Amino acid sequence: MDRRQFMQGAAAFGALGVAGFGSGARADAYQLPESFQPKEVRLRVKLPPGELHLIADTFKLYWTLENRRAIRYTAGIGRPGLYHPGEYTVGRKAKWPSWTPTPAMIARNPAYAQWADGMPGGPNNPLGARALYLYNARGHDTYLRIHGTNLPRTIGTRVSNGCARLINPHIEELYERVPVGTRVVLYAPGVRPA
């Protein structure tokens, strides 16, 4: 951690009163709206602790805690037709993951062809600082991820090829909380936990 990261984290700690949440400020000076900052909230319904629940309509991702509590993050999600509701499991995790576009992604955006053999992890990689890889019930990688982004303005929008994204400081914090094997539920538009 460099001095700048430390100072950002310290400022966020003081402003939010919650340890471990960064401000998300980056070189482009974009300030994530206060309402997009992680926040511990009380849930209206009881959900098991240690799960991730993404509500498409509100762009909110919940990491569930004991006693109907959760940490709420704001995410960017898949564009219409590319968001895939369902139940998944975190099958693997990676720091500064590499990225390889799928053939369907290249068909939608031919500029991705230059990365057909993969892009190494780093600050210019679209998966950002961390990635949680979502697997289906048969244990196969779905190519869906919950990952970071170097484009904070995309948070709270339908922007991706199917993945959910958080700003890098938020995914770094979430990554440390979420073990492999965690249940993940991506709710369809108009659907919420019952």
N, C-alpha and C. Protein backbone atom coordinates (compact mmCIF):
# COMPACT_ATOMS: atom_id res chain seq x y z
N MET A 1 0.86 -1.17 0.00
CA MET A 1 0.00 0.00 0.00
C MET A 1 0.90 1.23 0.00
N ASP A 2 0.67 2.14 -0.93
CA ASP A 2 1.47 3.36 -0.94
C ASP A 2 0.79 4.44 -0.09
N ARG A 3 1.46 5.59 0.06
CA ARG A 3 0.97 6.66 0.92
C ARG A 3 -0.40 7.17 0.45
N ARG A 4 -0.57 7.31 -0.86
CA ARG A 4 -1.85 7.81 -1.40
C ARG A 4 -3.00 6.86 -1.04
N GLN A 5 -2.77 5.55 -1.23
CA GLN A 5 -3.81 4.59 -0.89
C GLN A 5 -4.13 4.65 0.60
N PHE A 6 -3.08 4.78 1.42
CA PHE A 6 -3.29 4.86 2.86
C PHE A 6 -4.13 6.08 3.21
N MET A 7 -3.80 7.23 2.61
CA MET A 7 -4.53 8.46 2.92
C MET A 7 -5.99 8.36 2.45
N GLN A 8 -6.22 7.76 1.27
CA GLN A 8 -7.59 7.59 0.80
C GLN A 8 -8.38 6.71 1.75
N GLY A 9 -7.75 5.61 2.18
CA GLY A 9 -8.42 4.71 3.11
C GLY A 9 -8.70 5.39 4.44
N ALA A 10 -7.75 6.17 4.93
CA ALA A 10 -7.94 6.88 6.19
C ALA A 10 -9.06 7.90 6.08
N ALA A 11 -9.12 8.60 4.96
CA ALA A 11 -10.19 9.59 4.76
C ALA A 11 -11.54 8.89 4.71
N ALA A 12 -11.60 7.75 4.02
CA ALA A 12 -12.86 7.01 3.94
C ALA A 12 -13.27 6.50 5.32
N PHE A 13 -12.31 6.03 6.10
CA PHE A 13 -12.61 5.54 7.44
C PHE A 13 -13.23 6.65 8.27
N GLY A 14 -12.65 7.83 8.21
CA GLY A 14 -13.17 8.95 8.98
C GLY A 14 -14.53 9.41 8.49
N ALA A 15 -14.72 9.43 7.18
CA ALA A 15 -15.98 9.92 6.62
C ALA A 15 -17.11 8.92 6.79
N LEU A 16 -16.81 7.63 6.65
CA LEU A 16 -17.85 6.62 6.70
C LEU A 16 -18.01 5.98 8.06
N GLY A 17 -16.97 6.06 8.87
CA GLY A 17 -17.03 5.39 10.15
C GLY A 17 -16.98 3.88 10.03
N VAL A 18 -16.49 3.37 8.90
CA VAL A 18 -16.41 1.94 8.67
C VAL A 18 -15.01 1.63 8.18
N ALA A 19 -14.32 0.74 8.84
CA ALA A 19 -12.96 0.40 8.44
C ALA A 19 -12.95 -0.36 7.13
N GLY A 20 -11.95 -0.10 6.30
CA GLY A 20 -11.70 -0.90 5.13
C GLY A 20 -12.36 -0.44 3.85
N PHE A 21 -13.12 0.62 3.85
CA PHE A 21 -13.76 1.06 2.63
C PHE A 21 -13.00 2.23 2.04
N GLY A 22 -12.56 2.10 0.77
CA GLY A 22 -11.86 3.19 0.09
C GLY A 22 -12.83 4.16 -0.54
N SER A 23 -12.31 5.30 -0.96
CA SER A 23 -13.18 6.34 -1.53
C SER A 23 -13.44 6.15 -3.00
N GLY A 24 -12.58 5.40 -3.70
CA GLY A 24 -12.79 5.20 -5.11
C GLY A 24 -12.29 6.33 -5.97
N ALA A 25 -11.70 7.37 -5.40
CA ALA A 25 -11.17 8.48 -6.19
C ALA A 25 -10.00 7.98 -7.03
N ARG A 26 -9.92 8.41 -8.25
CA ARG A 26 -8.86 7.99 -9.16
C ARG A 26 -8.29 9.22 -9.85
N ALA A 27 -7.31 8.95 -10.71
CA ALA A 27 -6.59 10.03 -11.37
C ALA A 27 -7.52 10.95 -12.16
N ASP A 28 -8.65 10.43 -12.64
CA ASP A 28 -9.55 11.28 -13.42
C ASP A 28 -10.41 12.18 -12.53
N ALA A 29 -10.21 12.11 -11.23
CA ALA A 29 -10.87 12.97 -10.24
C ALA A 29 -12.37 12.73 -10.15
N TYR A 30 -12.85 11.63 -10.71
CA TYR A 30 -14.27 11.30 -10.58
C TYR A 30 -14.54 10.92 -9.12
N GLN A 31 -15.56 11.50 -8.55
CA GLN A 31 -15.96 11.19 -7.18
C GLN A 31 -17.23 10.34 -7.23
N LEU A 32 -17.12 9.13 -6.74
CA LEU A 32 -18.28 8.26 -6.67
C LEU A 32 -19.32 8.91 -5.76
N PRO A 33 -20.58 8.97 -6.18
CA PRO A 33 -21.60 9.58 -5.32
C PRO A 33 -21.64 8.92 -3.94
N GLU A 34 -21.92 9.70 -2.94
CA GLU A 34 -21.96 9.18 -1.57
C GLU A 34 -22.92 8.00 -1.46
N SER A 35 -24.03 8.05 -2.18
CA SER A 35 -25.01 6.96 -2.11
C SER A 35 -24.48 5.65 -2.71
N PHE A 36 -23.37 5.71 -3.45
CA PHE A 36 -22.76 4.52 -4.03
C PHE A 36 -21.70 3.91 -3.12
N GLN A 37 -21.38 4.56 -2.03
CA GLN A 37 -20.36 4.03 -1.13
C GLN A 37 -20.90 2.82 -0.37
N PRO A 38 -20.03 1.86 -0.03
CA PRO A 38 -20.48 0.71 0.76
C PRO A 38 -21.08 1.17 2.08
N LYS A 39 -22.10 0.44 2.49
CA LYS A 39 -22.78 0.80 3.73
C LYS A 39 -23.35 -0.46 4.36
N GLU A 40 -23.22 -0.58 5.67
CA GLU A 40 -23.88 -1.67 6.36
C GLU A 40 -25.34 -1.30 6.52
N VAL A 41 -26.22 -2.23 6.13
CA VAL A 41 -27.66 -1.97 6.13
C VAL A 41 -28.40 -3.13 6.78
N ARG A 42 -29.63 -2.86 7.18
CA ARG A 42 -30.53 -3.90 7.69
C ARG A 42 -31.36 -4.40 6.51
N LEU A 43 -31.47 -5.72 6.38
CA LEU A 43 -32.23 -6.33 5.30
C LEU A 43 -33.71 -6.46 5.68
N ARG A 44 -34.57 -6.35 4.70
CA ARG A 44 -36.02 -6.52 4.93
C ARG A 44 -36.39 -7.99 5.07
N VAL A 45 -35.60 -8.85 4.46
CA VAL A 45 -35.84 -10.29 4.52
C VAL A 45 -34.63 -10.97 5.13
N LYS A 46 -34.86 -12.14 5.70
CA LYS A 46 -33.76 -12.88 6.30
C LYS A 46 -33.05 -13.69 5.22
N LEU A 47 -31.76 -13.46 5.07
CA LEU A 47 -30.94 -14.22 4.13
C LEU A 47 -29.79 -14.84 4.92
N PRO A 48 -29.33 -16.02 4.51
CA PRO A 48 -28.22 -16.64 5.22
C PRO A 48 -26.97 -15.74 5.15
N PRO A 49 -26.19 -15.69 6.21
CA PRO A 49 -24.96 -14.90 6.16
C PRO A 49 -23.94 -15.55 5.22
N GLY A 50 -23.06 -14.71 4.68
CA GLY A 50 -21.98 -15.21 3.84
C GLY A 50 -22.39 -15.49 2.41
N GLU A 51 -23.35 -14.75 1.89
CA GLU A 51 -23.78 -14.89 0.50
C GLU A 51 -23.73 -13.53 -0.19
N LEU A 52 -23.72 -13.57 -1.54
CA LEU A 52 -23.80 -12.36 -2.35
C LEU A 52 -25.13 -12.36 -3.09
N HIS A 53 -25.83 -11.23 -3.03
CA HIS A 53 -27.13 -11.07 -3.70
C HIS A 53 -27.09 -9.77 -4.49
N LEU A 54 -27.31 -9.85 -5.81
CA LEU A 54 -27.30 -8.67 -6.68
C LEU A 54 -28.72 -8.39 -7.16
N ILE A 55 -29.21 -7.19 -6.84
CA ILE A 55 -30.54 -6.75 -7.26
C ILE A 55 -30.36 -5.89 -8.52
N ALA A 56 -30.80 -6.41 -9.66
CA ALA A 56 -30.55 -5.74 -10.94
C ALA A 56 -31.17 -4.35 -11.02
N ASP A 57 -32.39 -4.20 -10.51
CA ASP A 57 -33.09 -2.91 -10.65
C ASP A 57 -32.42 -1.76 -9.92
N THR A 58 -31.72 -2.07 -8.84
CA THR A 58 -31.10 -1.01 -8.03
C THR A 58 -29.59 -0.96 -8.16
N PHE A 59 -29.01 -1.93 -8.88
CA PHE A 59 -27.55 -2.04 -9.03
C PHE A 59 -26.87 -2.29 -7.69
N LYS A 60 -27.57 -2.89 -6.74
CA LYS A 60 -27.02 -3.10 -5.40
C LYS A 60 -26.60 -4.55 -5.22
N LEU A 61 -25.38 -4.71 -4.72
CA LEU A 61 -24.80 -6.01 -4.39
C LEU A 61 -24.69 -6.09 -2.88
N TYR A 62 -25.24 -7.14 -2.29
CA TYR A 62 -25.25 -7.30 -0.84
C TYR A 62 -24.38 -8.48 -0.42
N TRP A 63 -23.46 -8.24 0.50
CA TRP A 63 -22.71 -9.29 1.17
C TRP A 63 -23.40 -9.49 2.51
N THR A 64 -24.08 -10.63 2.67
CA THR A 64 -24.93 -10.83 3.83
C THR A 64 -24.13 -11.16 5.09
N LEU A 65 -24.61 -10.62 6.20
CA LEU A 65 -24.01 -10.81 7.52
C LEU A 65 -25.04 -11.48 8.44
N GLU A 66 -24.67 -11.71 9.67
CA GLU A 66 -25.60 -12.25 10.68
C GLU A 66 -26.70 -11.22 10.98
N ASN A 67 -27.81 -11.71 11.54
CA ASN A 67 -28.87 -10.86 12.08
C ASN A 67 -29.49 -9.90 11.07
N ARG A 68 -29.77 -10.40 9.86
CA ARG A 68 -30.43 -9.60 8.82
C ARG A 68 -29.68 -8.32 8.49
N ARG A 69 -28.37 -8.38 8.50
CA ARG A 69 -27.53 -7.24 8.15
C ARG A 69 -26.76 -7.61 6.88
N ALA A 70 -26.29 -6.59 6.18
CA ALA A 70 -25.48 -6.82 4.98
C ALA A 70 -24.65 -5.58 4.71
N ILE A 71 -23.57 -5.77 3.98
CA ILE A 71 -22.83 -4.64 3.44
C ILE A 71 -23.32 -4.47 2.01
N ARG A 72 -23.77 -3.26 1.70
CA ARG A 72 -24.35 -2.96 0.39
C ARG A 72 -23.34 -2.19 -0.45
N TYR A 73 -23.09 -2.70 -1.65
CA TYR A 73 -22.22 -2.05 -2.63
C TYR A 73 -23.07 -1.65 -3.83
N THR A 74 -22.60 -0.71 -4.62
CA THR A 74 -23.26 -0.37 -5.88
C THR A 74 -22.40 -0.90 -7.01
N ALA A 75 -23.03 -1.55 -7.97
CA ALA A 75 -22.33 -2.23 -9.06
C ALA A 75 -22.78 -1.71 -10.41
N GLY A 76 -21.94 -1.91 -11.41
CA GLY A 76 -22.35 -1.85 -12.80
C GLY A 76 -22.71 -3.28 -13.19
N ILE A 77 -23.72 -3.45 -14.05
CA ILE A 77 -24.16 -4.80 -14.41
C ILE A 77 -24.24 -4.96 -15.92
N GLY A 78 -24.62 -6.16 -16.35
CA GLY A 78 -24.71 -6.47 -17.77
C GLY A 78 -25.76 -5.64 -18.49
N ARG A 79 -25.43 -5.29 -19.73
CA ARG A 79 -26.38 -4.56 -20.58
C ARG A 79 -27.60 -5.45 -20.84
N PRO A 80 -28.72 -4.84 -21.26
CA PRO A 80 -29.90 -5.65 -21.58
C PRO A 80 -29.55 -6.76 -22.57
N GLY A 81 -30.01 -7.95 -22.27
CA GLY A 81 -29.72 -9.11 -23.10
C GLY A 81 -28.42 -9.81 -22.73
N LEU A 82 -27.60 -9.18 -21.90
CA LEU A 82 -26.33 -9.78 -21.50
C LEU A 82 -26.26 -10.08 -20.00
N TYR A 83 -27.25 -9.63 -19.25
CA TYR A 83 -27.31 -9.92 -17.81
C TYR A 83 -27.95 -11.30 -17.64
N HIS A 84 -27.35 -12.16 -16.83
CA HIS A 84 -27.80 -13.54 -16.69
C HIS A 84 -28.20 -13.86 -15.26
N PRO A 85 -29.49 -13.67 -14.92
CA PRO A 85 -29.94 -14.00 -13.57
C PRO A 85 -29.75 -15.49 -13.28
N GLY A 86 -29.59 -15.79 -12.02
CA GLY A 86 -29.48 -17.19 -11.62
C GLY A 86 -28.68 -17.34 -10.35
N GLU A 87 -28.46 -18.61 -9.98
CA GLU A 87 -27.66 -18.94 -8.81
C GLU A 87 -26.32 -19.48 -9.26
N TYR A 88 -25.28 -19.00 -8.62
CA TYR A 88 -23.91 -19.36 -8.97
C TYR A 88 -23.13 -19.61 -7.69
N THR A 89 -21.90 -20.06 -7.87
CA THR A 89 -20.96 -20.24 -6.77
C THR A 89 -19.65 -19.58 -7.16
N VAL A 90 -19.00 -18.93 -6.21
CA VAL A 90 -17.66 -18.41 -6.47
C VAL A 90 -16.75 -19.64 -6.58
N GLY A 91 -16.29 -19.91 -7.79
CA GLY A 91 -15.47 -21.09 -8.05
C GLY A 91 -13.98 -20.83 -7.97
N ARG A 92 -13.63 -19.55 -8.07
CA ARG A 92 -12.22 -19.18 -7.99
C ARG A 92 -12.13 -17.69 -7.80
N LYS A 93 -10.98 -17.23 -7.31
CA LYS A 93 -10.71 -15.81 -7.09
C LYS A 93 -9.34 -15.49 -7.67
N ALA A 94 -9.15 -14.24 -8.11
CA ALA A 94 -7.85 -13.85 -8.65
C ALA A 94 -7.57 -12.39 -8.35
N LYS A 95 -6.30 -12.11 -8.01
CA LYS A 95 -5.81 -10.75 -7.86
C LYS A 95 -5.21 -10.32 -9.20
N TRP A 96 -5.50 -9.10 -9.62
CA TRP A 96 -5.04 -8.57 -10.90
C TRP A 96 -5.17 -9.63 -12.00
N PRO A 97 -6.41 -10.08 -12.24
CA PRO A 97 -6.64 -11.18 -13.18
C PRO A 97 -6.34 -10.80 -14.62
N SER A 98 -5.95 -11.81 -15.38
CA SER A 98 -5.85 -11.61 -16.83
C SER A 98 -7.27 -11.64 -17.40
N TRP A 99 -7.42 -11.16 -18.61
CA TRP A 99 -8.73 -11.11 -19.26
C TRP A 99 -8.60 -11.58 -20.69
N THR A 100 -9.50 -12.46 -21.10
CA THR A 100 -9.59 -12.92 -22.47
C THR A 100 -11.04 -12.76 -22.92
N PRO A 101 -11.31 -11.94 -23.93
CA PRO A 101 -12.70 -11.78 -24.38
C PRO A 101 -13.20 -13.08 -25.01
N THR A 102 -14.48 -13.34 -24.81
CA THR A 102 -15.09 -14.51 -25.44
C THR A 102 -15.31 -14.23 -26.92
N PRO A 103 -15.52 -15.26 -27.74
CA PRO A 103 -15.84 -15.02 -29.15
C PRO A 103 -17.07 -14.12 -29.32
N ALA A 104 -18.08 -14.27 -28.46
CA ALA A 104 -19.27 -13.42 -28.57
C ALA A 104 -18.93 -11.96 -28.28
N MET A 105 -18.03 -11.72 -27.34
CA MET A 105 -17.62 -10.34 -27.05
C MET A 105 -16.88 -9.74 -28.24
N ILE A 106 -16.03 -10.53 -28.87
CA ILE A 106 -15.29 -10.05 -30.04
C ILE A 106 -16.26 -9.75 -31.18
N ALA A 107 -17.29 -10.60 -31.34
CA ALA A 107 -18.29 -10.35 -32.39
C ALA A 107 -19.03 -9.04 -32.15
N ARG A 108 -19.33 -8.73 -30.88
CA ARG A 108 -20.02 -7.47 -30.56
C ARG A 108 -19.10 -6.27 -30.67
N ASN A 109 -17.82 -6.47 -30.38
CA ASN A 109 -16.85 -5.38 -30.41
C ASN A 109 -15.54 -5.89 -31.02
N PRO A 110 -15.39 -5.78 -32.34
CA PRO A 110 -14.20 -6.32 -33.02
C PRO A 110 -12.87 -5.78 -32.49
N ALA A 111 -12.87 -4.63 -31.84
CA ALA A 111 -11.62 -4.10 -31.27
C ALA A 111 -11.05 -5.04 -30.21
N TYR A 112 -11.91 -5.88 -29.61
CA TYR A 112 -11.43 -6.84 -28.61
C TYR A 112 -10.55 -7.93 -29.21
N ALA A 113 -10.57 -8.08 -30.54
CA ALA A 113 -9.81 -9.15 -31.19
C ALA A 113 -8.32 -9.06 -30.86
N GLN A 114 -7.82 -7.86 -30.62
CA GLN A 114 -6.39 -7.73 -30.29
C GLN A 114 -6.04 -8.46 -28.98
N TRP A 115 -7.05 -8.76 -28.17
CA TRP A 115 -6.82 -9.44 -26.90
C TRP A 115 -7.32 -10.88 -26.92
N ALA A 116 -7.51 -11.45 -28.11
CA ALA A 116 -8.04 -12.81 -28.23
C ALA A 116 -7.17 -13.84 -27.50
N ASP A 117 -5.89 -13.56 -27.38
CA ASP A 117 -4.98 -14.46 -26.65
C ASP A 117 -4.81 -14.04 -25.20
N GLY A 118 -5.53 -13.00 -24.78
CA GLY A 118 -5.51 -12.57 -23.39
C GLY A 118 -4.78 -11.27 -23.16
N MET A 119 -5.23 -10.55 -22.15
CA MET A 119 -4.59 -9.32 -21.68
C MET A 119 -4.10 -9.59 -20.26
N PRO A 120 -2.83 -9.32 -19.99
CA PRO A 120 -2.35 -9.55 -18.63
C PRO A 120 -3.04 -8.62 -17.63
N GLY A 121 -3.08 -9.05 -16.39
CA GLY A 121 -3.65 -8.23 -15.33
C GLY A 121 -2.87 -6.94 -15.17
N GLY A 122 -3.53 -5.92 -14.65
CA GLY A 122 -2.89 -4.63 -14.43
C GLY A 122 -3.91 -3.52 -14.45
N PRO A 123 -3.46 -2.29 -14.27
CA PRO A 123 -4.40 -1.17 -14.13
C PRO A 123 -5.23 -0.88 -15.38
N ASN A 124 -4.82 -1.33 -16.56
CA ASN A 124 -5.59 -1.09 -17.78
C ASN A 124 -6.50 -2.26 -18.15
N ASN A 125 -6.45 -3.32 -17.38
CA ASN A 125 -7.24 -4.51 -17.64
C ASN A 125 -8.69 -4.25 -17.22
N PRO A 126 -9.68 -4.61 -18.06
CA PRO A 126 -11.08 -4.33 -17.72
C PRO A 126 -11.60 -5.08 -16.50
N LEU A 127 -10.91 -6.12 -16.03
CA LEU A 127 -11.36 -6.82 -14.82
C LEU A 127 -10.88 -6.15 -13.55
N GLY A 128 -10.03 -5.15 -13.68
CA GLY A 128 -9.61 -4.39 -12.51
C GLY A 128 -8.71 -5.18 -11.57
N ALA A 129 -8.76 -4.80 -10.30
CA ALA A 129 -7.82 -5.29 -9.30
C ALA A 129 -8.10 -6.71 -8.80
N ARG A 130 -9.35 -7.14 -8.84
CA ARG A 130 -9.73 -8.45 -8.31
C ARG A 130 -10.91 -8.99 -9.11
N ALA A 131 -11.04 -10.32 -9.08
CA ALA A 131 -12.20 -10.95 -9.73
C ALA A 131 -12.65 -12.16 -8.94
N LEU A 132 -13.97 -12.30 -8.84
CA LEU A 132 -14.62 -13.48 -8.30
C LEU A 132 -15.26 -14.19 -9.50
N TYR A 133 -14.87 -15.42 -9.76
CA TYR A 133 -15.31 -16.17 -10.93
C TYR A 133 -16.56 -16.98 -10.58
N LEU A 134 -17.63 -16.78 -11.33
CA LEU A 134 -18.90 -17.44 -11.04
C LEU A 134 -19.03 -18.74 -11.82
N TYR A 135 -19.29 -19.81 -11.07
CA TYR A 135 -19.44 -21.14 -11.64
C TYR A 135 -20.90 -21.59 -11.51
N ASN A 136 -21.32 -22.48 -12.42
CA ASN A 136 -22.69 -22.99 -12.38
C ASN A 136 -22.77 -24.19 -11.43
N ALA A 137 -23.97 -24.78 -11.32
CA ALA A 137 -24.21 -25.88 -10.38
C ALA A 137 -23.39 -27.12 -10.73
N ARG A 138 -22.97 -27.26 -11.98
CA ARG A 138 -22.15 -28.42 -12.37
C ARG A 138 -20.66 -28.17 -12.18
N GLY A 139 -20.32 -26.99 -11.65
CA GLY A 139 -18.92 -26.69 -11.38
C GLY A 139 -18.16 -26.15 -12.57
N HIS A 140 -18.86 -25.64 -13.58
CA HIS A 140 -18.21 -25.09 -14.77
C HIS A 140 -18.19 -23.56 -14.72
N ASP A 141 -17.10 -23.00 -15.20
CA ASP A 141 -16.96 -21.54 -15.28
C ASP A 141 -18.00 -21.00 -16.26
N THR A 142 -18.74 -19.98 -15.83
CA THR A 142 -19.77 -19.38 -16.67
C THR A 142 -19.26 -18.19 -17.49
N TYR A 143 -18.03 -17.77 -17.24
CA TYR A 143 -17.43 -16.55 -17.80
C TYR A 143 -18.05 -15.29 -17.24
N LEU A 144 -18.91 -15.44 -16.23
CA LEU A 144 -19.42 -14.28 -15.50
C LEU A 144 -18.50 -14.03 -14.32
N ARG A 145 -18.32 -12.75 -14.01
CA ARG A 145 -17.42 -12.36 -12.92
C ARG A 145 -18.07 -11.25 -12.11
N ILE A 146 -17.64 -11.13 -10.87
CA ILE A 146 -17.81 -9.91 -10.10
C ILE A 146 -16.39 -9.39 -9.99
N HIS A 147 -16.12 -8.24 -10.59
CA HIS A 147 -14.74 -7.79 -10.72
C HIS A 147 -14.62 -6.30 -10.50
N GLY A 148 -13.40 -5.83 -10.53
CA GLY A 148 -13.13 -4.40 -10.40
C GLY A 148 -13.27 -3.69 -11.74
N THR A 149 -13.04 -2.40 -11.70
CA THR A 149 -13.04 -1.62 -12.95
C THR A 149 -12.15 -0.40 -12.77
N ASN A 150 -11.53 0.00 -13.85
CA ASN A 150 -10.78 1.25 -13.87
C ASN A 150 -11.64 2.38 -14.44
N LEU A 151 -12.94 2.13 -14.58
CA LEU A 151 -13.88 3.12 -15.11
C LEU A 151 -14.99 3.37 -14.07
N PRO A 152 -14.71 4.14 -13.04
CA PRO A 152 -15.69 4.30 -11.96
C PRO A 152 -17.00 4.92 -12.40
N ARG A 153 -17.02 5.66 -13.49
CA ARG A 153 -18.28 6.27 -13.96
C ARG A 153 -19.30 5.23 -14.42
N THR A 154 -18.86 3.99 -14.62
CA THR A 154 -19.77 2.94 -15.09
C THR A 154 -20.55 2.29 -13.95
N ILE A 155 -20.23 2.62 -12.71
CA ILE A 155 -20.94 2.04 -11.57
C ILE A 155 -22.37 2.59 -11.55
N GLY A 156 -23.32 1.71 -11.26
CA GLY A 156 -24.72 2.12 -11.23
C GLY A 156 -25.35 2.19 -12.61
N THR A 157 -24.75 1.49 -13.59
CA THR A 157 -25.28 1.50 -14.96
C THR A 157 -25.31 0.07 -15.51
N ARG A 158 -26.04 -0.10 -16.60
CA ARG A 158 -26.05 -1.37 -17.35
C ARG A 158 -25.00 -1.20 -18.45
N VAL A 159 -23.83 -1.77 -18.22
CA VAL A 159 -22.70 -1.41 -19.06
C VAL A 159 -21.91 -2.60 -19.59
N SER A 160 -21.95 -3.73 -18.92
CA SER A 160 -20.98 -4.79 -19.20
C SER A 160 -21.50 -5.85 -20.16
N ASN A 161 -20.61 -6.79 -20.45
CA ASN A 161 -20.93 -7.95 -21.28
C ASN A 161 -21.55 -9.07 -20.44
N GLY A 162 -22.00 -8.76 -19.25
CA GLY A 162 -22.66 -9.75 -18.40
C GLY A 162 -22.17 -9.76 -16.97
N CYS A 163 -20.96 -9.29 -16.76
CA CYS A 163 -20.37 -9.30 -15.42
C CYS A 163 -20.92 -8.16 -14.57
N ALA A 164 -20.71 -8.28 -13.26
CA ALA A 164 -20.97 -7.18 -12.33
C ALA A 164 -19.62 -6.58 -11.97
N ARG A 165 -19.58 -5.25 -11.84
CA ARG A 165 -18.31 -4.58 -11.54
C ARG A 165 -18.48 -3.61 -10.38
N LEU A 166 -17.42 -3.51 -9.59
CA LEU A 166 -17.31 -2.55 -8.50
C LEU A 166 -16.05 -1.75 -8.74
N ILE A 167 -15.95 -0.56 -8.13
CA ILE A 167 -14.68 0.14 -8.25
C ILE A 167 -13.61 -0.68 -7.53
N ASN A 168 -12.37 -0.50 -7.95
CA ASN A 168 -11.29 -1.34 -7.43
C ASN A 168 -11.20 -1.37 -5.91
N PRO A 169 -11.24 -0.24 -5.18
CA PRO A 169 -11.15 -0.35 -3.72
C PRO A 169 -12.28 -1.19 -3.11
N HIS A 170 -13.46 -1.16 -3.72
CA HIS A 170 -14.58 -1.94 -3.17
C HIS A 170 -14.41 -3.42 -3.46
N ILE A 171 -13.96 -3.79 -4.67
CA ILE A 171 -13.77 -5.22 -4.96
C ILE A 171 -12.59 -5.76 -4.16
N GLU A 172 -11.57 -4.93 -3.92
CA GLU A 172 -10.45 -5.39 -3.10
C GLU A 172 -10.93 -5.75 -1.70
N GLU A 173 -11.79 -4.92 -1.13
CA GLU A 173 -12.33 -5.17 0.21
C GLU A 173 -13.24 -6.40 0.20
N LEU A 174 -14.14 -6.49 -0.79
CA LEU A 174 -15.05 -7.62 -0.87
C LEU A 174 -14.29 -8.93 -1.09
N TYR A 175 -13.28 -8.89 -1.93
CA TYR A 175 -12.46 -10.07 -2.23
C TYR A 175 -11.93 -10.72 -0.95
N GLU A 176 -11.53 -9.90 0.00
CA GLU A 176 -10.98 -10.42 1.25
C GLU A 176 -12.06 -11.08 2.10
N ARG A 177 -13.30 -10.71 1.94
CA ARG A 177 -14.40 -11.26 2.73
C ARG A 177 -14.96 -12.56 2.15
N VAL A 178 -14.93 -12.70 0.84
CA VAL A 178 -15.68 -13.76 0.15
C VAL A 178 -14.79 -14.97 -0.11
N PRO A 179 -15.11 -16.13 0.48
CA PRO A 179 -14.32 -17.33 0.18
C PRO A 179 -14.82 -18.04 -1.07
N VAL A 180 -13.95 -18.85 -1.65
CA VAL A 180 -14.37 -19.76 -2.72
C VAL A 180 -15.46 -20.65 -2.14
N GLY A 181 -16.49 -20.90 -2.94
CA GLY A 181 -17.63 -21.70 -2.50
C GLY A 181 -18.83 -20.88 -2.10
N THR A 182 -18.68 -19.55 -2.06
CA THR A 182 -19.78 -18.66 -1.68
C THR A 182 -20.92 -18.73 -2.69
N ARG A 183 -22.14 -18.79 -2.19
CA ARG A 183 -23.34 -18.74 -3.04
C ARG A 183 -23.56 -17.30 -3.51
N VAL A 184 -23.90 -17.16 -4.81
CA VAL A 184 -24.16 -15.86 -5.43
C VAL A 184 -25.51 -15.96 -6.14
N VAL A 185 -26.38 -14.98 -5.89
CA VAL A 185 -27.68 -14.93 -6.56
C VAL A 185 -27.76 -13.62 -7.33
N LEU A 186 -27.95 -13.72 -8.65
CA LEU A 186 -28.18 -12.56 -9.51
C LEU A 186 -29.68 -12.56 -9.82
N TYR A 187 -30.39 -11.58 -9.28
CA TYR A 187 -31.84 -11.52 -9.45
C TYR A 187 -32.21 -10.90 -10.79
N ALA A 188 -33.25 -11.44 -11.40
CA ALA A 188 -33.78 -10.89 -12.65
C ALA A 188 -34.36 -9.51 -12.38
N PRO A 189 -34.37 -8.64 -13.40
CA PRO A 189 -35.04 -7.35 -13.23
C PRO A 189 -36.47 -7.57 -12.73
N GLY A 190 -36.88 -6.75 -11.77
CA GLY A 190 -38.21 -6.86 -11.20
C GLY A 190 -38.34 -7.87 -10.08
N VAL A 191 -37.27 -8.61 -9.78
CA VAL A 191 -37.30 -9.64 -8.75
C VAL A 191 -36.38 -9.24 -7.61
N ARG A 192 -36.85 -9.50 -6.39
CA ARG A 192 -36.06 -9.26 -5.18
C ARG A 192 -36.16 -10.49 -4.29
N PRO A 193 -35.26 -10.62 -3.32
CA PRO A 193 -35.36 -11.78 -2.42
C PRO A 193 -36.70 -11.79 -1.69
N ALA A 194 -37.25 -12.97 -1.51
CA ALA A 194 -38.54 -13.10 -0.82
C ALA A 194 -38.35 -13.69 0.56
